[in-house]
N, C-alpha and C. Protein backbone atom coordinates (compact mmCIF):
# COMPACT_ATOMS: atom_id res chain seq x y z
N MET A 1 -22.97 -0.37 -7.05
CA MET A 1 -21.70 -0.78 -6.47
C MET A 1 -20.56 -0.15 -7.27
N ALA A 2 -19.57 0.38 -6.56
CA ALA A 2 -18.44 1.03 -7.20
C ALA A 2 -17.54 0.00 -7.89
N ALA A 3 -16.92 0.42 -8.98
CA ALA A 3 -16.00 -0.46 -9.71
C ALA A 3 -14.80 -0.79 -8.83
N ARG A 4 -14.37 -2.05 -8.88
CA ARG A 4 -13.21 -2.49 -8.11
C ARG A 4 -11.96 -2.33 -8.96
N VAL A 5 -10.91 -1.79 -8.36
CA VAL A 5 -9.64 -1.60 -9.05
C VAL A 5 -8.52 -2.21 -8.21
N ALA A 6 -7.37 -2.43 -8.85
CA ALA A 6 -6.21 -2.97 -8.15
C ALA A 6 -4.96 -2.31 -8.70
N PHE A 7 -4.04 -1.97 -7.80
CA PHE A 7 -2.77 -1.36 -8.19
C PHE A 7 -1.62 -2.03 -7.45
N ARG A 8 -0.51 -2.20 -8.14
CA ARG A 8 0.76 -2.59 -7.51
C ARG A 8 1.51 -1.29 -7.28
N VAL A 9 2.01 -1.11 -6.08
CA VAL A 9 2.62 0.15 -5.65
C VAL A 9 4.04 -0.10 -5.15
N PHE A 10 4.96 0.78 -5.53
CA PHE A 10 6.33 0.77 -5.03
C PHE A 10 6.61 2.13 -4.42
N VAL A 11 7.06 2.14 -3.16
CA VAL A 11 7.33 3.38 -2.44
C VAL A 11 8.82 3.42 -2.10
N SER A 12 9.47 4.52 -2.46
CA SER A 12 10.90 4.71 -2.20
C SER A 12 11.11 5.86 -1.24
N GLY A 13 12.22 5.80 -0.53
CA GLY A 13 12.58 6.84 0.42
C GLY A 13 12.97 6.21 1.74
N THR A 14 12.71 6.91 2.83
CA THR A 14 12.92 6.34 4.15
C THR A 14 11.61 5.67 4.54
N VAL A 15 11.47 4.41 4.11
CA VAL A 15 10.20 3.71 4.26
C VAL A 15 10.35 2.35 4.96
N GLN A 16 11.55 2.04 5.43
CA GLN A 16 11.76 0.83 6.22
C GLN A 16 12.31 1.24 7.57
N GLY A 17 11.88 0.52 8.61
CA GLY A 17 12.32 0.85 9.97
C GLY A 17 11.56 2.02 10.57
N VAL A 18 10.45 2.41 9.95
CA VAL A 18 9.66 3.55 10.44
C VAL A 18 8.17 3.18 10.58
N ALA A 19 7.88 1.88 10.69
CA ALA A 19 6.51 1.36 10.83
C ALA A 19 5.65 1.63 9.59
N PHE A 20 6.28 1.70 8.43
CA PHE A 20 5.54 2.00 7.21
C PHE A 20 4.55 0.89 6.87
N ARG A 21 5.01 -0.37 6.92
CA ARG A 21 4.12 -1.48 6.58
C ARG A 21 2.94 -1.55 7.55
N TRP A 22 3.23 -1.50 8.84
CA TRP A 22 2.17 -1.58 9.84
C TRP A 22 1.18 -0.43 9.67
N SER A 23 1.69 0.77 9.48
CA SER A 23 0.81 1.94 9.31
C SER A 23 -0.03 1.82 8.04
N THR A 24 0.58 1.27 6.98
CA THR A 24 -0.17 1.06 5.73
C THR A 24 -1.30 0.07 5.97
N GLN A 25 -0.99 -1.01 6.67
CA GLN A 25 -2.03 -2.00 6.97
C GLN A 25 -3.17 -1.36 7.77
N GLN A 26 -2.84 -0.59 8.79
CA GLN A 26 -3.87 0.04 9.62
C GLN A 26 -4.72 1.02 8.81
N LYS A 27 -4.09 1.81 7.94
CA LYS A 27 -4.83 2.76 7.11
C LYS A 27 -5.72 2.02 6.12
N ALA A 28 -5.20 0.93 5.53
CA ALA A 28 -5.99 0.13 4.59
C ALA A 28 -7.22 -0.45 5.27
N ILE A 29 -7.05 -0.98 6.47
CA ILE A 29 -8.18 -1.53 7.21
C ILE A 29 -9.20 -0.44 7.53
N GLU A 30 -8.70 0.71 7.95
CA GLU A 30 -9.58 1.86 8.25
C GLU A 30 -10.41 2.26 7.03
N LEU A 31 -9.78 2.25 5.86
CA LEU A 31 -10.46 2.68 4.63
C LEU A 31 -11.30 1.57 4.00
N GLY A 32 -11.00 0.31 4.33
CA GLY A 32 -11.73 -0.82 3.74
C GLY A 32 -11.07 -1.38 2.50
N ALA A 33 -9.76 -1.16 2.33
CA ALA A 33 -9.03 -1.71 1.18
C ALA A 33 -8.59 -3.13 1.48
N GLN A 34 -8.39 -3.91 0.44
CA GLN A 34 -7.85 -5.25 0.56
C GLN A 34 -6.47 -5.27 -0.08
N GLY A 35 -5.67 -6.30 0.26
CA GLY A 35 -4.38 -6.46 -0.37
C GLY A 35 -3.30 -6.85 0.60
N TRP A 36 -2.10 -6.37 0.36
CA TRP A 36 -0.94 -6.73 1.18
C TRP A 36 0.15 -5.68 1.03
N VAL A 37 1.14 -5.75 1.94
CA VAL A 37 2.28 -4.85 1.90
C VAL A 37 3.51 -5.61 2.40
N ARG A 38 4.68 -5.32 1.82
CA ARG A 38 5.93 -5.97 2.24
C ARG A 38 7.12 -5.07 1.95
N ASN A 39 8.21 -5.32 2.68
CA ASN A 39 9.48 -4.66 2.40
C ASN A 39 10.20 -5.40 1.29
N LEU A 40 10.97 -4.66 0.51
CA LEU A 40 11.85 -5.25 -0.49
C LEU A 40 13.28 -5.09 -0.01
N ARG A 41 14.11 -6.02 -0.39
CA ARG A 41 15.52 -5.98 0.05
C ARG A 41 16.26 -4.73 -0.45
N ASP A 42 15.75 -4.09 -1.49
CA ASP A 42 16.42 -2.89 -2.02
C ASP A 42 16.03 -1.62 -1.27
N GLY A 43 15.25 -1.75 -0.18
CA GLY A 43 14.89 -0.60 0.64
C GLY A 43 13.53 0.00 0.35
N ARG A 44 12.87 -0.46 -0.70
CA ARG A 44 11.53 0.04 -1.02
C ARG A 44 10.46 -0.77 -0.29
N VAL A 45 9.25 -0.27 -0.34
CA VAL A 45 8.07 -0.99 0.13
C VAL A 45 7.21 -1.26 -1.09
N GLU A 46 6.66 -2.47 -1.17
CA GLU A 46 5.77 -2.87 -2.26
C GLU A 46 4.41 -3.21 -1.67
N ALA A 47 3.36 -2.86 -2.38
CA ALA A 47 2.01 -3.18 -1.91
C ALA A 47 1.11 -3.51 -3.09
N GLN A 48 0.11 -4.32 -2.83
CA GLN A 48 -1.00 -4.57 -3.76
C GLN A 48 -2.22 -4.02 -3.05
N ILE A 49 -2.89 -3.08 -3.69
CA ILE A 49 -4.05 -2.42 -3.09
C ILE A 49 -5.26 -2.66 -3.98
N GLU A 50 -6.35 -3.14 -3.39
CA GLU A 50 -7.56 -3.44 -4.13
C GLU A 50 -8.78 -2.89 -3.40
N GLY A 51 -9.80 -2.55 -4.18
CA GLY A 51 -11.05 -2.10 -3.60
C GLY A 51 -11.76 -1.14 -4.53
N PRO A 52 -12.82 -0.52 -4.04
CA PRO A 52 -13.51 0.50 -4.83
C PRO A 52 -12.54 1.64 -5.14
N ARG A 53 -12.71 2.26 -6.28
CA ARG A 53 -11.79 3.30 -6.75
C ARG A 53 -11.53 4.38 -5.71
N GLU A 54 -12.58 4.86 -5.05
CA GLU A 54 -12.41 5.95 -4.09
C GLU A 54 -11.59 5.49 -2.87
N VAL A 55 -11.71 4.24 -2.47
CA VAL A 55 -10.93 3.70 -1.36
C VAL A 55 -9.46 3.59 -1.75
N VAL A 56 -9.21 3.03 -2.93
CA VAL A 56 -7.83 2.88 -3.41
C VAL A 56 -7.18 4.25 -3.60
N ASP A 57 -7.92 5.20 -4.17
CA ASP A 57 -7.37 6.55 -4.35
C ASP A 57 -7.01 7.19 -3.01
N ALA A 58 -7.84 6.97 -1.99
CA ALA A 58 -7.55 7.54 -0.67
C ALA A 58 -6.29 6.91 -0.07
N LEU A 59 -6.11 5.61 -0.24
CA LEU A 59 -4.91 4.96 0.28
C LEU A 59 -3.67 5.39 -0.50
N LEU A 60 -3.79 5.53 -1.82
CA LEU A 60 -2.67 6.03 -2.62
C LEU A 60 -2.27 7.43 -2.17
N ALA A 61 -3.23 8.28 -1.88
CA ALA A 61 -2.94 9.64 -1.42
C ALA A 61 -2.20 9.59 -0.08
N TRP A 62 -2.61 8.70 0.81
CA TRP A 62 -1.94 8.55 2.10
C TRP A 62 -0.51 8.05 1.91
N LEU A 63 -0.31 7.11 0.98
CA LEU A 63 1.02 6.55 0.72
C LEU A 63 2.01 7.58 0.20
N GLU A 64 1.53 8.69 -0.33
CA GLU A 64 2.43 9.74 -0.83
C GLU A 64 3.27 10.35 0.30
N HIS A 65 2.81 10.22 1.54
CA HIS A 65 3.58 10.73 2.68
C HIS A 65 3.81 9.66 3.74
N GLY A 66 2.92 8.69 3.88
CA GLY A 66 3.07 7.61 4.84
C GLY A 66 3.01 8.10 6.27
N PRO A 67 3.51 7.28 7.21
CA PRO A 67 3.49 7.68 8.62
C PRO A 67 4.47 8.82 8.88
N SER A 68 4.35 9.44 10.04
CA SER A 68 5.11 10.66 10.31
C SER A 68 6.63 10.47 10.28
N ALA A 69 7.13 9.29 10.63
CA ALA A 69 8.58 9.06 10.64
C ALA A 69 9.15 8.76 9.25
N ALA A 70 8.29 8.55 8.29
CA ALA A 70 8.75 8.20 6.94
C ALA A 70 9.06 9.44 6.11
N ARG A 71 9.86 9.22 5.06
CA ARG A 71 10.07 10.25 4.03
C ARG A 71 9.91 9.55 2.69
N VAL A 72 8.83 9.89 1.99
CA VAL A 72 8.55 9.28 0.69
C VAL A 72 9.17 10.15 -0.39
N ASP A 73 10.11 9.55 -1.15
CA ASP A 73 10.75 10.25 -2.26
C ASP A 73 10.06 9.99 -3.58
N ALA A 74 9.49 8.79 -3.74
CA ALA A 74 8.83 8.44 -4.99
C ALA A 74 7.76 7.39 -4.74
N LEU A 75 6.69 7.49 -5.49
CA LEU A 75 5.59 6.54 -5.44
C LEU A 75 5.24 6.17 -6.87
N GLN A 76 5.37 4.89 -7.17
CA GLN A 76 5.03 4.39 -8.51
C GLN A 76 3.88 3.41 -8.34
N HIS A 77 2.86 3.53 -9.19
CA HIS A 77 1.76 2.56 -9.13
C HIS A 77 1.24 2.27 -10.52
N ASP A 78 0.94 0.99 -10.73
CA ASP A 78 0.44 0.52 -12.01
C ASP A 78 -0.77 -0.36 -11.78
N ALA A 79 -1.76 -0.25 -12.66
CA ALA A 79 -2.94 -1.09 -12.57
C ALA A 79 -2.55 -2.54 -12.83
N VAL A 80 -3.12 -3.46 -12.05
CA VAL A 80 -2.87 -4.89 -12.17
C VAL A 80 -4.18 -5.63 -12.01
N ALA A 81 -4.16 -6.92 -12.28
CA ALA A 81 -5.33 -7.76 -12.05
C ALA A 81 -5.52 -7.96 -10.55
N ALA A 82 -6.74 -7.91 -10.11
CA ALA A 82 -7.04 -8.11 -8.70
C ALA A 82 -6.76 -9.55 -8.30
N GLU A 83 -6.20 -9.73 -7.11
CA GLU A 83 -5.94 -11.07 -6.58
C GLU A 83 -7.13 -11.58 -5.79
N GLY A 84 -8.01 -10.68 -5.37
CA GLY A 84 -9.16 -11.07 -4.57
C GLY A 84 -8.75 -11.27 -3.12
N GLY A 85 -9.62 -11.85 -2.36
CA GLY A 85 -9.33 -12.08 -0.95
C GLY A 85 -9.90 -10.99 -0.08
N ASN A 86 -9.80 -11.24 1.21
CA ASN A 86 -10.30 -10.30 2.20
C ASN A 86 -9.16 -9.83 3.09
N GLY A 87 -9.32 -8.67 3.65
CA GLY A 87 -8.33 -8.17 4.59
C GLY A 87 -7.12 -7.54 3.92
N PHE A 88 -6.18 -7.15 4.74
CA PHE A 88 -4.96 -6.51 4.26
C PHE A 88 -3.82 -7.07 5.11
N GLU A 89 -2.93 -7.83 4.49
CA GLU A 89 -1.91 -8.56 5.23
C GLU A 89 -0.52 -7.97 5.11
N LEU A 90 0.28 -8.23 6.14
CA LEU A 90 1.70 -7.92 6.11
C LEU A 90 2.40 -9.16 5.57
N ARG A 91 3.26 -8.99 4.58
CA ARG A 91 4.00 -10.11 4.01
C ARG A 91 5.48 -9.99 4.33
N ALA A 92 6.15 -11.11 4.24
CA ALA A 92 7.59 -11.18 4.52
C ALA A 92 8.38 -10.42 3.46
N THR A 93 9.54 -9.95 3.84
CA THR A 93 10.47 -9.26 2.94
C THR A 93 10.90 -10.21 1.83
N VAL A 94 10.98 -9.66 0.62
CA VAL A 94 11.50 -10.43 -0.52
C VAL A 94 12.61 -9.65 -1.20
């Protein structure tokens, strides 16, 4: 079994109003990642991504560009403790 990892991710650029959260959720489900995604009031998107290393790496690579209407200027991610759980949820803006 592959080692499980977790990252907190912050994405900056044109990432709100372009279906970024929904697209992230769909890609995460497709890849088999767990976690959540939400908009921040400062215009960024924040996500917690968990799963096997290769799954998380694939989602991080996708987040570098996001959906076609988005423009990603910066992607920051740091290792964090896994929250556990199943699925990948959309969370309310904070």
